[in-house]
Structure formats: C-alpha cells, structure tokens
PDB file of N, CA and C in Angstrom:
ATOM      1  N   UNK A   1       5.606 -42.192  -6.578  1.00  0.00           N
ATOM      2  CA  UNK A   1       4.507 -41.618  -5.842  1.00  0.00           C
ATOM      3  C   UNK A   1       5.014 -40.421  -5.041  1.00  0.00           C
ATOM      4  N   UNK A   2       4.282 -39.353  -5.106  1.00  0.00           N
ATOM      5  CA  UNK A   2       4.688 -38.132  -4.433  1.00  0.00           C
ATOM      6  C   UNK A   2       4.001 -38.042  -3.080  1.00  0.00           C
ATOM      7  N   UNK A   3       4.779 -37.660  -2.082  1.00  0.00           N
ATOM      8  CA  UNK A   3       4.259 -37.556  -0.726  1.00  0.00           C
ATOM      9  C   UNK A   3       3.922 -36.108  -0.392  1.00  0.00           C
ATOM     10  N   UNK A   4       3.009 -35.951   0.541  1.00  0.00           N
ATOM     11  CA  UNK A   4       2.611 -34.632   1.018  1.00  0.00           C
ATOM     12  C   UNK A   4       3.784 -33.980   1.738  1.00  0.00           C
ATOM     13  N   UNK A   5       4.020 -32.707   1.418  1.00  0.00           N
ATOM     14  CA  UNK A   5       5.147 -32.013   2.023  1.00  0.00           C
ATOM     15  C   UNK A   5       4.694 -30.645   2.520  1.00  0.00           C
ATOM     16  N   UNK A   6       4.822 -30.432   3.820  1.00  0.00           N
ATOM     17  CA  UNK A   6       4.490 -29.122   4.385  1.00  0.00           C
ATOM     18  C   UNK A   6       5.460 -28.050   3.919  1.00  0.00           C
ATOM     19  N   UNK A   7       6.697 -28.423   3.687  1.00  0.00           N
ATOM     20  CA  UNK A   7       7.707 -27.446   3.273  1.00  0.00           C
ATOM     21  C   UNK A   7       7.395 -26.871   1.889  1.00  0.00           C
ATOM     22  N   UNK A   8       6.965 -27.709   0.955  1.00  0.00           N
ATOM     23  CA  UNK A   8       6.644 -27.196  -0.383  1.00  0.00           C
ATOM     24  C   UNK A   8       5.383 -26.342  -0.351  1.00  0.00           C
ATOM     25  N   UNK A   9       4.428 -26.707   0.491  1.00  0.00           N
ATOM     26  CA  UNK A   9       3.226 -25.881   0.629  1.00  0.00           C
ATOM     27  C   UNK A   9       3.555 -24.537   1.252  1.00  0.00           C
ATOM     28  N   UNK A  10       4.441 -24.524   2.239  1.00  0.00           N
ATOM     29  CA  UNK A  10       4.846 -23.276   2.886  1.00  0.00           C
ATOM     30  C   UNK A  10       5.600 -22.388   1.902  1.00  0.00           C
ATOM     31  N   UNK A  11       6.467 -22.968   1.101  1.00  0.00           N
ATOM     32  CA  UNK A  11       7.204 -22.194   0.102  1.00  0.00           C
ATOM     33  C   UNK A  11       6.263 -21.622  -0.954  1.00  0.00           C
ATOM     34  N   UNK A  12       5.286 -22.395  -1.373  1.00  0.00           N
ATOM     35  CA  UNK A  12       4.314 -21.904  -2.352  1.00  0.00           C
ATOM     36  C   UNK A  12       3.460 -20.784  -1.765  1.00  0.00           C
ATOM     37  N   UNK A  13       3.084 -20.903  -0.510  1.00  0.00           N
ATOM     38  CA  UNK A  13       2.306 -19.844   0.141  1.00  0.00           C
ATOM     39  C   UNK A  13       3.123 -18.566   0.255  1.00  0.00           C
ATOM     40  N   UNK A  14       4.410 -18.696   0.546  1.00  0.00           N
ATOM     41  CA  UNK A  14       5.276 -17.522   0.619  1.00  0.00           C
ATOM     42  C   UNK A  14       5.384 -16.821  -0.731  1.00  0.00           C
ATOM     43  N   UNK A  15       5.517 -17.588  -1.787  1.00  0.00           N
ATOM     44  CA  UNK A  15       5.602 -17.004  -3.131  1.00  0.00           C
ATOM     45  C   UNK A  15       4.285 -16.326  -3.505  1.00  0.00           C
ATOM     46  N   UNK A  16       3.177 -16.960  -3.201  1.00  0.00           N
ATOM     47  CA  UNK A  16       1.874 -16.362  -3.517  1.00  0.00           C
ATOM     48  C   UNK A  16       1.654 -15.074  -2.725  1.00  0.00           C
ATOM     49  N   UNK A  17       2.071 -15.045  -1.465  1.00  0.00           N
ATOM     50  CA  UNK A  17       1.937 -13.832  -0.656  1.00  0.00           C
ATOM     51  C   UNK A  17       2.843 -12.733  -1.194  1.00  0.00           C
ATOM     52  N   UNK A  18       4.044 -13.091  -1.631  1.00  0.00           N
ATOM     53  CA  UNK A  18       4.947 -12.105  -2.221  1.00  0.00           C
ATOM     54  C   UNK A  18       4.349 -11.513  -3.492  1.00  0.00           C
ATOM     55  N   UNK A  19       3.756 -12.342  -4.324  1.00  0.00           N
ATOM     56  CA  UNK A  19       3.124 -11.836  -5.547  1.00  0.00           C
ATOM     57  C   UNK A  19       1.927 -10.935  -5.221  1.00  0.00           C
ATOM     58  N   UNK A  20       1.160 -11.300  -4.193  1.00  0.00           N
ATOM     59  CA  UNK A  20       0.054 -10.454  -3.764  1.00  0.00           C
ATOM     60  C   UNK A  20       0.574  -9.114  -3.244  1.00  0.00           C
ATOM     61  N   UNK A  21       1.671  -9.142  -2.499  1.00  0.00           N
ATOM     62  CA  UNK A  21       2.250  -7.897  -2.004  1.00  0.00           C
ATOM     63  C   UNK A  21       2.717  -7.005  -3.147  1.00  0.00           C
ATOM     64  N   UNK A  22       3.315  -7.586  -4.163  1.00  0.00           N
ATOM     65  CA  UNK A  22       3.759  -6.802  -5.318  1.00  0.00           C
ATOM     66  C   UNK A  22       2.563  -6.178  -6.025  1.00  0.00           C
ATOM     67  N   UNK A  23       1.499  -6.943  -6.196  1.00  0.00           N
ATOM     68  CA  UNK A  23       0.292  -6.424  -6.837  1.00  0.00           C
ATOM     69  C   UNK A  23      -0.311  -5.271  -6.029  1.00  0.00           C
ATOM     70  N   UNK A  24      -0.397  -5.430  -4.724  1.00  0.00           N
ATOM     71  CA  UNK A  24      -0.955  -4.384  -3.864  1.00  0.00           C
ATOM     72  C   UNK A  24      -0.034  -3.165  -3.851  1.00  0.00           C
ATOM     73  N   UNK A  25       1.282  -3.381  -3.851  1.00  0.00           N
ATOM     74  CA  UNK A  25       2.228  -2.270  -3.893  1.00  0.00           C
ATOM     75  C   UNK A  25       2.053  -1.452  -5.163  1.00  0.00           C
ATOM     76  N   UNK A  26       1.942  -2.117  -6.305  1.00  0.00           N
ATOM     77  CA  UNK A  26       1.727  -1.400  -7.563  1.00  0.00           C
ATOM     78  C   UNK A  26       0.402  -0.642  -7.562  1.00  0.00           C
ATOM     79  N   UNK A  27      -0.618  -1.228  -6.973  1.00  0.00           N
ATOM     80  CA  UNK A  27      -1.914  -0.569  -6.907  1.00  0.00           C
ATOM     81  C   UNK A  27      -1.850   0.693  -6.047  1.00  0.00           C
ATOM     82  N   UNK A  28      -1.278   0.571  -4.866  1.00  0.00           N
ATOM     83  CA  UNK A  28      -1.183   1.722  -3.966  1.00  0.00           C
ATOM     84  C   UNK A  28      -0.287   2.794  -4.577  1.00  0.00           C
ATOM     85  N   UNK A  29       0.836   2.392  -5.154  1.00  0.00           N
ATOM     86  CA  UNK A  29       1.722   3.385  -5.764  1.00  0.00           C
ATOM     87  C   UNK A  29       1.093   4.033  -6.995  1.00  0.00           C
ATOM     88  N   UNK A  30       0.198   3.336  -7.657  1.00  0.00           N
ATOM     89  CA  UNK A  30      -0.558   3.966  -8.741  1.00  0.00           C
ATOM     90  C   UNK A  30      -1.435   5.092  -8.211  1.00  0.00           C
ATOM     91  N   UNK A  31      -2.092   4.848  -7.087  1.00  0.00           N
ATOM     92  CA  UNK A  31      -2.895   5.898  -6.466  1.00  0.00           C
ATOM     93  C   UNK A  31      -2.017   7.033  -5.941  1.00  0.00           C
ATOM     94  N   UNK A  32      -0.857   6.705  -5.399  1.00  0.00           N
ATOM     95  CA  UNK A  32       0.054   7.744  -4.904  1.00  0.00           C
ATOM     96  C   UNK A  32       0.532   8.613  -6.056  1.00  0.00           C
ATOM     97  N   UNK A  33       0.886   7.994  -7.175  1.00  0.00           N
ATOM     98  CA  UNK A  33       1.328   8.766  -8.333  1.00  0.00           C
ATOM     99  C   UNK A  33       0.221   9.674  -8.850  1.00  0.00           C
ATOM    100  N   UNK A  34      -0.977   9.141  -8.926  1.00  0.00           N
ATOM    101  CA  UNK A  34      -2.114   9.947  -9.370  1.00  0.00           C
ATOM    102  C   UNK A  34      -2.362  11.107  -8.411  1.00  0.00           C
ATOM    103  N   UNK A  35      -2.181  10.859  -7.124  1.00  0.00           N
ATOM    104  CA  UNK A  35      -2.342  11.921  -6.134  1.00  0.00           C
ATOM    105  C   UNK A  35      -1.264  12.982  -6.293  1.00  0.00           C
ATOM    106  N   UNK A  36      -0.031  12.564  -6.577  1.00  0.00           N
ATOM    107  CA  UNK A  36       1.034  13.530  -6.822  1.00  0.00           C
ATOM    108  C   UNK A  36       0.694  14.442  -7.996  1.00  0.00           C
ATOM    109  N   UNK A  37       0.181  13.858  -9.067  1.00  0.00           N
ATOM    110  CA  UNK A  37      -0.194  14.650 -10.237  1.00  0.00           C
ATOM    111  C   UNK A  37      -1.337  15.604  -9.895  1.00  0.00           C
ATOM    112  N   UNK A  38      -2.332  15.129  -9.168  1.00  0.00           N
ATOM    113  CA  UNK A  38      -3.469  15.974  -8.794  1.00  0.00           C
ATOM    114  C   UNK A  38      -3.036  17.100  -7.855  1.00  0.00           C
ATOM    115  N   UNK A  39      -2.141  16.806  -6.928  1.00  0.00           N
ATOM    116  CA  UNK A  39      -1.650  17.848  -6.020  1.00  0.00           C
ATOM    117  C   UNK A  39      -0.835  18.873  -6.791  1.00  0.00           C
ATOM    118  N   UNK A  40      -0.056  18.425  -7.755  1.00  0.00           N
ATOM    119  CA  UNK A  40       0.710  19.366  -8.588  1.00  0.00           C
ATOM    120  C   UNK A  40      -0.228  20.318  -9.319  1.00  0.00           C
ATOM    121  N   UNK A  41      -1.313  19.782  -9.853  1.00  0.00           N
ATOM    122  CA  UNK A  41      -2.294  20.640 -10.527  1.00  0.00           C
ATOM    123  C   UNK A  41      -2.980  21.585  -9.546  1.00  0.00           C
ATOM    124  N   UNK A  42      -3.292  21.092  -8.351  1.00  0.00           N
ATOM    125  CA  UNK A  42      -3.931  21.937  -7.346  1.00  0.00           C
ATOM    126  C   UNK A  42      -2.993  23.035  -6.864  1.00  0.00           C
ATOM    127  N   UNK A  43      -1.712  22.728  -6.737  1.00  0.00           N
ATOM    128  CA  UNK A  43      -0.739  23.747  -6.331  1.00  0.00           C
ATOM    129  C   UNK A  43      -0.653  24.841  -7.384  1.00  0.00           C
ATOM    130  N   UNK A  44      -0.646  24.453  -8.645  1.00  0.00           N
ATOM    131  CA  UNK A  44      -0.586  25.447  -9.715  1.00  0.00           C
ATOM    132  C   UNK A  44      -1.866  26.267  -9.777  1.00  0.00           C
ATOM    133  N   UNK A  45      -3.000  25.652  -9.540  1.00  0.00           N
ATOM    134  CA  UNK A  45      -4.285  26.338  -9.662  1.00  0.00           C
ATOM    135  C   UNK A  45      -4.588  27.237  -8.470  1.00  0.00           C
ATOM    136  N   UNK A  46      -4.344  26.737  -7.260  1.00  0.00           N
ATOM    137  CA  UNK A  46      -4.764  27.455  -6.050  1.00  0.00           C
ATOM    138  C   UNK A  46      -3.602  28.101  -5.290  1.00  0.00           C
ATOM    139  N   UNK A  47      -2.389  28.031  -5.827  1.00  0.00           N
ATOM    140  CA  UNK A  47      -1.211  28.661  -5.220  1.00  0.00           C
ATOM    141  C   UNK A  47      -0.977  28.161  -3.798  1.00  0.00           C
ATOM    142  N   UNK A  48      -0.915  26.845  -3.652  1.00  0.00           N
ATOM    143  CA  UNK A  48      -0.681  26.213  -2.354  1.00  0.00           C
ATOM    144  C   UNK A  48       0.817  26.026  -2.127  1.00  0.00           C
ATOM    145  N   UNK A  49       1.198  25.661  -0.909  1.00  0.00           N
ATOM    146  CA  UNK A  49       2.615  25.446  -0.601  1.00  0.00           C
ATOM    147  C   UNK A  49       3.012  24.003  -0.892  1.00  0.00           C
ATOM    148  N   UNK A  50       4.313  23.767  -0.807  1.00  0.00           N
ATOM    149  CA  UNK A  50       4.826  22.421  -1.068  1.00  0.00           C
ATOM    150  C   UNK A  50       4.415  21.432   0.021  1.00  0.00           C
ATOM    151  N   UNK A  51       3.967  21.924   1.163  1.00  0.00           N
ATOM    152  CA  UNK A  51       3.532  21.035   2.248  1.00  0.00           C
ATOM    153  C   UNK A  51       2.268  20.248   1.872  1.00  0.00           C
ATOM    154  N   UNK A  52       1.653  20.626   0.797  1.00  0.00           N
ATOM    155  CA  UNK A  52       0.476  19.913   0.328  1.00  0.00           C
ATOM    156  C   UNK A  52       0.830  18.485  -0.096  1.00  0.00           C
ATOM    157  N   UNK A  53       2.092  18.267  -0.412  1.00  0.00           N
ATOM    158  CA  UNK A  53       2.558  16.930  -0.804  1.00  0.00           C
ATOM    159  C   UNK A  53       2.761  15.989   0.383  1.00  0.00           C
ATOM    160  N   UNK A  54       2.651  16.469   1.601  1.00  0.00           N
ATOM    161  CA  UNK A  54       2.994  15.678   2.782  1.00  0.00           C
ATOM    162  C   UNK A  54       2.253  14.333   2.889  1.00  0.00           C
ATOM    163  N   UNK A  55       0.922  14.275   2.710  1.00  0.00           N
ATOM    164  CA  UNK A  55       0.254  12.961   2.806  1.00  0.00           C
ATOM    165  C   UNK A  55       0.722  11.964   1.737  1.00  0.00           C
ATOM    166  N   UNK A  56       1.032  12.447   0.553  1.00  0.00           N
ATOM    167  CA  UNK A  56       1.504  11.558  -0.499  1.00  0.00           C
ATOM    168  C   UNK A  56       2.893  11.016  -0.166  1.00  0.00           C
ATOM    169  N   UNK A  57       3.757  11.887   0.362  1.00  0.00           N
ATOM    170  CA  UNK A  57       5.102  11.444   0.729  1.00  0.00           C
ATOM    171  C   UNK A  57       5.029  10.438   1.886  1.00  0.00           C
ATOM    172  N   UNK A  58       4.162  10.698   2.855  1.00  0.00           N
ATOM    173  CA  UNK A  58       4.003   9.753   3.963  1.00  0.00           C
ATOM    174  C   UNK A  58       3.506   8.398   3.464  1.00  0.00           C
ATOM    175  N   UNK A  59       2.542   8.410   2.569  1.00  0.00           N
ATOM    176  CA  UNK A  59       2.044   7.148   2.013  1.00  0.00           C
ATOM    177  C   UNK A  59       3.137   6.430   1.238  1.00  0.00           C
ATOM    178  N   UNK A  60       3.938   7.195   0.521  1.00  0.00           N
ATOM    179  CA  UNK A  60       5.029   6.624  -0.266  1.00  0.00           C
ATOM    180  C   UNK A  60       6.068   5.956   0.621  1.00  0.00           C
ATOM    181  N   UNK A  61       6.325   6.529   1.788  1.00  0.00           N
ATOM    182  CA  UNK A  61       7.354   6.002   2.677  1.00  0.00           C
ATOM    183  C   UNK A  61       6.840   4.953   3.657  1.00  0.00           C
ATOM    184  N   UNK A  62       5.592   5.074   4.096  1.00  0.00           N
ATOM    185  CA  UNK A  62       5.090   4.186   5.138  1.00  0.00           C
ATOM    186  C   UNK A  62       4.543   2.857   4.619  1.00  0.00           C
ATOM    187  N   UNK A  63       4.068   2.822   3.388  1.00  0.00           N
ATOM    188  CA  UNK A  63       3.479   1.572   2.913  1.00  0.00           C
ATOM    189  C   UNK A  63       4.492   0.434   2.786  1.00  0.00           C
ATOM    190  N   UNK A  64       5.740   0.677   2.344  1.00  0.00           N
ATOM    191  CA  UNK A  64       6.711  -0.430   2.370  1.00  0.00           C
ATOM    192  C   UNK A  64       6.987  -0.951   3.779  1.00  0.00           C
ATOM    193  N   UNK A  65       6.893  -0.089   4.789  1.00  0.00           N
ATOM    194  CA  UNK A  65       7.057  -0.540   6.170  1.00  0.00           C
ATOM    195  C   UNK A  65       5.920  -1.493   6.541  1.00  0.00           C
ATOM    196  N   UNK A  66       4.711  -1.155   6.125  1.00  0.00           N
ATOM    197  CA  UNK A  66       3.561  -2.029   6.376  1.00  0.00           C
ATOM    198  C   UNK A  66       3.769  -3.376   5.680  1.00  0.00           C
ATOM    199  N   UNK A  67       4.262  -3.344   4.453  1.00  0.00           N
ATOM    200  CA  UNK A  67       4.508  -4.592   3.735  1.00  0.00           C
ATOM    201  C   UNK A  67       5.571  -5.436   4.440  1.00  0.00           C
ATOM    202  N   UNK A  68       6.606  -4.786   4.961  1.00  0.00           N
ATOM    203  CA  UNK A  68       7.650  -5.514   5.681  1.00  0.00           C
ATOM    204  C   UNK A  68       7.099  -6.146   6.957  1.00  0.00           C
ATOM    205  N   UNK A  69       6.301  -5.389   7.698  1.00  0.00           N
ATOM    206  CA  UNK A  69       5.729  -5.922   8.943  1.00  0.00           C
ATOM    207  C   UNK A  69       4.783  -7.087   8.665  1.00  0.00           C
ATOM    208  N   UNK A  70       3.963  -6.968   7.616  1.00  0.00           N
ATOM    209  CA  UNK A  70       3.047  -8.059   7.296  1.00  0.00           C
ATOM    210  C   UNK A  70       3.806  -9.277   6.768  1.00  0.00           C
ATOM    211  N   UNK A  71       4.925  -9.055   6.114  1.00  0.00           N
ATOM    212  CA  UNK A  71       5.731 -10.187   5.658  1.00  0.00           C
ATOM    213  C   UNK A  71       6.297 -10.953   6.850  1.00  0.00           C
ATOM    214  N   UNK A  72       6.752 -10.231   7.868  1.00  0.00           N
ATOM    215  CA  UNK A  72       7.239 -10.890   9.081  1.00  0.00           C
ATOM    216  C   UNK A  72       6.099 -11.627   9.777  1.00  0.00           C
ATOM    217  N   UNK A  73       4.911 -11.021   9.795  1.00  0.00           N
ATOM    218  CA  UNK A  73       3.751 -11.658  10.413  1.00  0.00           C
ATOM    219  C   UNK A  73       3.396 -12.947   9.668  1.00  0.00           C
ATOM    220  N   UNK A  74       3.468 -12.891   8.337  1.00  0.00           N
ATOM    221  CA  UNK A  74       3.178 -14.063   7.517  1.00  0.00           C
ATOM    222  C   UNK A  74       4.186 -15.178   7.794  1.00  0.00           C
ATOM    223  N   UNK A  75       5.444 -14.803   7.957  1.00  0.00           N
ATOM    224  CA  UNK A  75       6.488 -15.798   8.218  1.00  0.00           C
ATOM    225  C   UNK A  75       6.322 -16.448   9.591  1.00  0.00           C
ATOM    226  N   UNK A  76       5.715 -15.735  10.552  1.00  0.00           N
ATOM    227  CA  UNK A  76       5.474 -16.315  11.877  1.00  0.00           C
ATOM    228  C   UNK A  76       4.294 -17.271  11.883  1.00  0.00           C
ATOM    229  N   UNK A  77       3.589 -17.388  10.771  1.00  0.00           N
ATOM    230  CA  UNK A  77       2.483 -18.335  10.692  1.00  0.00           C
ATOM    231  C   UNK A  77       1.107 -17.706  10.778  1.00  0.00           C
ATOM    232  N   UNK A  78       1.037 -16.403  10.916  1.00  0.00           N
ATOM    233  CA  UNK A  78      -0.256 -15.712  10.989  1.00  0.00           C
ATOM    234  C   UNK A  78      -0.620 -15.227   9.581  1.00  0.00           C
ATOM    235  N   UNK A  79      -0.949 -16.177   8.734  1.00  0.00           N
ATOM    236  CA  UNK A  79      -1.120 -15.897   7.311  1.00  0.00           C
ATOM    237  C   UNK A  79      -2.365 -15.056   7.010  1.00  0.00           C
ATOM    238  N   UNK A  80      -3.479 -15.425   7.574  1.00  0.00           N
ATOM    239  CA  UNK A  80      -4.722 -14.700   7.294  1.00  0.00           C
ATOM    240  C   UNK A  80      -4.651 -13.291   7.877  1.00  0.00           C
ATOM    241  N   UNK A  81      -4.151 -13.188   9.092  1.00  0.00           N
ATOM    242  CA  UNK A  81      -4.025 -11.880   9.735  1.00  0.00           C
ATOM    243  C   UNK A  81      -3.102 -10.960   8.929  1.00  0.00           C
ATOM    244  N   UNK A  82      -2.010 -11.490   8.414  1.00  0.00           N
ATOM    245  CA  UNK A  82      -1.079 -10.688   7.620  1.00  0.00           C
ATOM    246  C   UNK A  82      -1.731 -10.209   6.329  1.00  0.00           C
ATOM    247  N   UNK A  83      -2.485 -11.069   5.684  1.00  0.00           N
ATOM    248  CA  UNK A  83      -3.162 -10.685   4.448  1.00  0.00           C
ATOM    249  C   UNK A  83      -4.218  -9.617   4.712  1.00  0.00           C
ATOM    250  N   UNK A  84      -4.984  -9.787   5.775  1.00  0.00           N
ATOM    251  CA  UNK A  84      -6.025  -8.808   6.106  1.00  0.00           C
ATOM    252  C   UNK A  84      -5.407  -7.464   6.476  1.00  0.00           C
ATOM    253  N   UNK A  85      -4.331  -7.471   7.258  1.00  0.00           N
ATOM    254  CA  UNK A  85      -3.668  -6.227   7.637  1.00  0.00           C
ATOM    255  C   UNK A  85      -3.113  -5.501   6.413  1.00  0.00           C
ATOM    256  N   UNK A  86      -2.518  -6.240   5.503  1.00  0.00           N
ATOM    257  CA  UNK A  86      -1.964  -5.618   4.310  1.00  0.00           C
ATOM    258  C   UNK A  86      -3.057  -4.977   3.467  1.00  0.00           C
ATOM    259  N   UNK A  87      -4.141  -5.695   3.243  1.00  0.00           N
ATOM    260  CA  UNK A  87      -5.230  -5.154   2.435  1.00  0.00           C
ATOM    261  C   UNK A  87      -5.920  -3.990   3.145  1.00  0.00           C
ATOM    262  N   UNK A  88      -6.049  -4.086   4.467  1.00  0.00           N
ATOM    263  CA  UNK A  88      -6.687  -3.003   5.226  1.00  0.00           C
ATOM    264  C   UNK A  88      -5.860  -1.731   5.168  1.00  0.00           C
ATOM    265  N   UNK A  89      -4.550  -1.835   5.357  1.00  0.00           N
ATOM    266  CA  UNK A  89      -3.708  -0.648   5.301  1.00  0.00           C
ATOM    267  C   UNK A  89      -3.678  -0.062   3.893  1.00  0.00           C
ATOM    268  N   UNK A  90      -3.717  -0.909   2.881  1.00  0.00           N
ATOM    269  CA  UNK A  90      -3.759  -0.399   1.510  1.00  0.00           C
ATOM    270  C   UNK A  90      -5.036   0.405   1.286  1.00  0.00           C
ATOM    271  N   UNK A  91      -6.162  -0.107   1.760  1.00  0.00           N
ATOM    272  CA  UNK A  91      -7.420   0.621   1.574  1.00  0.00           C
ATOM    273  C   UNK A  91      -7.453   1.897   2.414  1.00  0.00           C
ATOM    274  N   UNK A  92      -6.882   1.872   3.614  1.00  0.00           N
ATOM    275  CA  UNK A  92      -6.836   3.081   4.440  1.00  0.00           C
ATOM    276  C   UNK A  92      -6.002   4.161   3.754  1.00  0.00           C
ATOM    277  N   UNK A  93      -4.880   3.791   3.185  1.00  0.00           N
ATOM    278  CA  UNK A  93      -4.035   4.765   2.498  1.00  0.00           C
ATOM    279  C   UNK A  93      -4.735   5.325   1.277  1.00  0.00           C
ATOM    280  N   UNK A  94      -5.400   4.490   0.515  1.00  0.00           N
ATOM    281  CA  UNK A  94      -6.106   4.968  -0.679  1.00  0.00           C
ATOM    282  C   UNK A  94      -7.241   5.914  -0.293  1.00  0.00           C
ATOM    283  N   UNK A  95      -8.004   5.574   0.728  1.00  0.00           N
ATOM    284  CA  UNK A  95      -9.103   6.437   1.170  1.00  0.00           C
ATOM    285  C   UNK A  95      -8.566   7.746   1.741  1.00  0.00           C
ATOM    286  N   UNK A  96      -7.454   7.682   2.470  1.00  0.00           N
ATOM    287  CA  UNK A  96      -6.867   8.904   3.023  1.00  0.00           C
ATOM    288  C   UNK A  96      -6.368   9.827   1.914  1.00  0.00           C
ATOM    289  N   UNK A  97      -5.782   9.260   0.881  1.00  0.00           N
ATOM    290  CA  UNK A  97      -5.350  10.091  -0.249  1.00  0.00           C
ATOM    291  C   UNK A  97      -6.547  10.719  -0.951  1.00  0.00           C
ATOM    292  N   UNK A  98      -7.605   9.950  -1.106  1.00  0.00           N
ATOM    293  CA  UNK A  98      -8.814  10.495  -1.718  1.00  0.00           C
ATOM    294  C   UNK A  98      -9.393  11.622  -0.864  1.00  0.00           C
ATOM    295  N   UNK A  99      -9.423  11.439   0.434  1.00  0.00           N
ATOM    296  CA  UNK A  99      -9.942  12.497   1.330  1.00  0.00           C
ATOM    297  C   UNK A  99      -9.060  13.739   1.257  1.00  0.00           C
ATOM    298  N   UNK A 100      -7.765  13.558   1.181  1.00  0.00           N
ATOM    299  CA  UNK A 100      -6.849  14.698   1.047  1.00  0.00           C
ATOM    300  C   UNK A 100      -7.111  15.458  -0.246  1.00  0.00           C
ATOM    301  N   UNK A 101      -7.285  14.735  -1.329  1.00  0.00           N
ATOM    302  CA  UNK A 101      -7.541  15.395  -2.608  1.00  0.00           C
ATOM    303  C   UNK A 101      -8.897  16.094  -2.630  1.00  0.00           C
ATOM    304  N   UNK A 102      -9.873  15.506  -1.991  1.00  0.00           N
ATOM    305  CA  UNK A 102     -11.180  16.148  -1.965  1.00  0.00           C
ATOM    306  C   UNK A 102     -11.148  17.436  -1.153  1.00  0.00           C
ATOM    307  N   UNK A 103     -10.300  17.510  -0.134  1.00  0.00           N
ATOM    308  CA  UNK A 103     -10.140  18.742   0.626  1.00  0.00           C
ATOM    309  C   UNK A 103      -9.426  19.821  -0.173  1.00  0.00           C
ATOM    310  N   UNK A 104      -8.537  19.431  -1.052  1.00  0.00           N
ATOM    311  CA  UNK A 104      -7.829  20.419  -1.866  1.00  0.00           C
ATOM    312  C   UNK A 104      -8.753  21.072  -2.873  1.00  0.00           C
ATOM    313  N   UNK A 105      -9.655  20.317  -3.435  1.00  0.00           N
ATOM    314  CA  UNK A 105     -10.519  20.835  -4.483  1.00  0.00           C
ATOM    315  C   UNK A 105     -11.589  21.763  -3.891  1.00  0.00           C
ATOM    316  N   UNK A 106     -11.989  21.516  -2.665  1.00  0.00           N
ATOM    317  CA  UNK A 106     -13.042  22.349  -2.079  1.00  0.00           C
ATOM    318  C   UNK A 106     -12.494  23.675  -1.539  1.00  0.00           C
ATOM    319  N   UNK A 107     -11.197  23.911  -1.669  1.00  0.00           N
ATOM    320  CA  UNK A 107     -10.591  25.151  -1.147  1.00  0.00           C
ATOM    321  C   UNK A 107     -11.122  26.350  -1.895  1.00  0.00           C
TER     322      UNK A 107
END
C-alpha cells in the first residue's frame, strides 16, 4: 500500500513548473527571434541604426532573470504567484515587442 507523500508531490510540482518555464521560454524566444528578423528587414528598408535592436536585446537578456526569480518564488512555496508572474512577464514582453515593431513600420 502506498502512502501519501508531500515530498513526491513537491518534486512533481517542481518538474511540472520547470517544464512550463521551458515552454514559455521557447515561446518568448520565438517572438524575440521573429522580432530580430523584422527589425533587420526594417533597418534595411528604412535605413535605421543598430540601436533599433535594443528592445529585442533587453527582452533576450531580462526574461531569463524573470524565470530565475519566479523559480525562487516557486521554491519558497508561492506557487500560484510564481506562475502568474511568469506568464504576466512573458505577455508583457511579447506585447512590448509587438508595440516596438508597430512603431518601426509606421516610420
């Protein structure tokens, strides 16, 4: 007979959160890559400077920091808050990249 174990449930939750983080990371980096390609095309078309890449580089560097912070939050027992923060920051970054690209095209 198998007994209820909080440790196995906690380990399973950690693995599931890690898999969710990997999925969200791939999704955000897919948008970042697409933004890099779009900015490259906009630079060639409108003769912009290399500083146009700045929001994409910031998103590329800052999102792993967000994932690290939410992982620490998850480990402290704030599981729902960590999941919501991770998804919220992912959506904020995606919307910010979209807004940046829309500003480039209207130039």
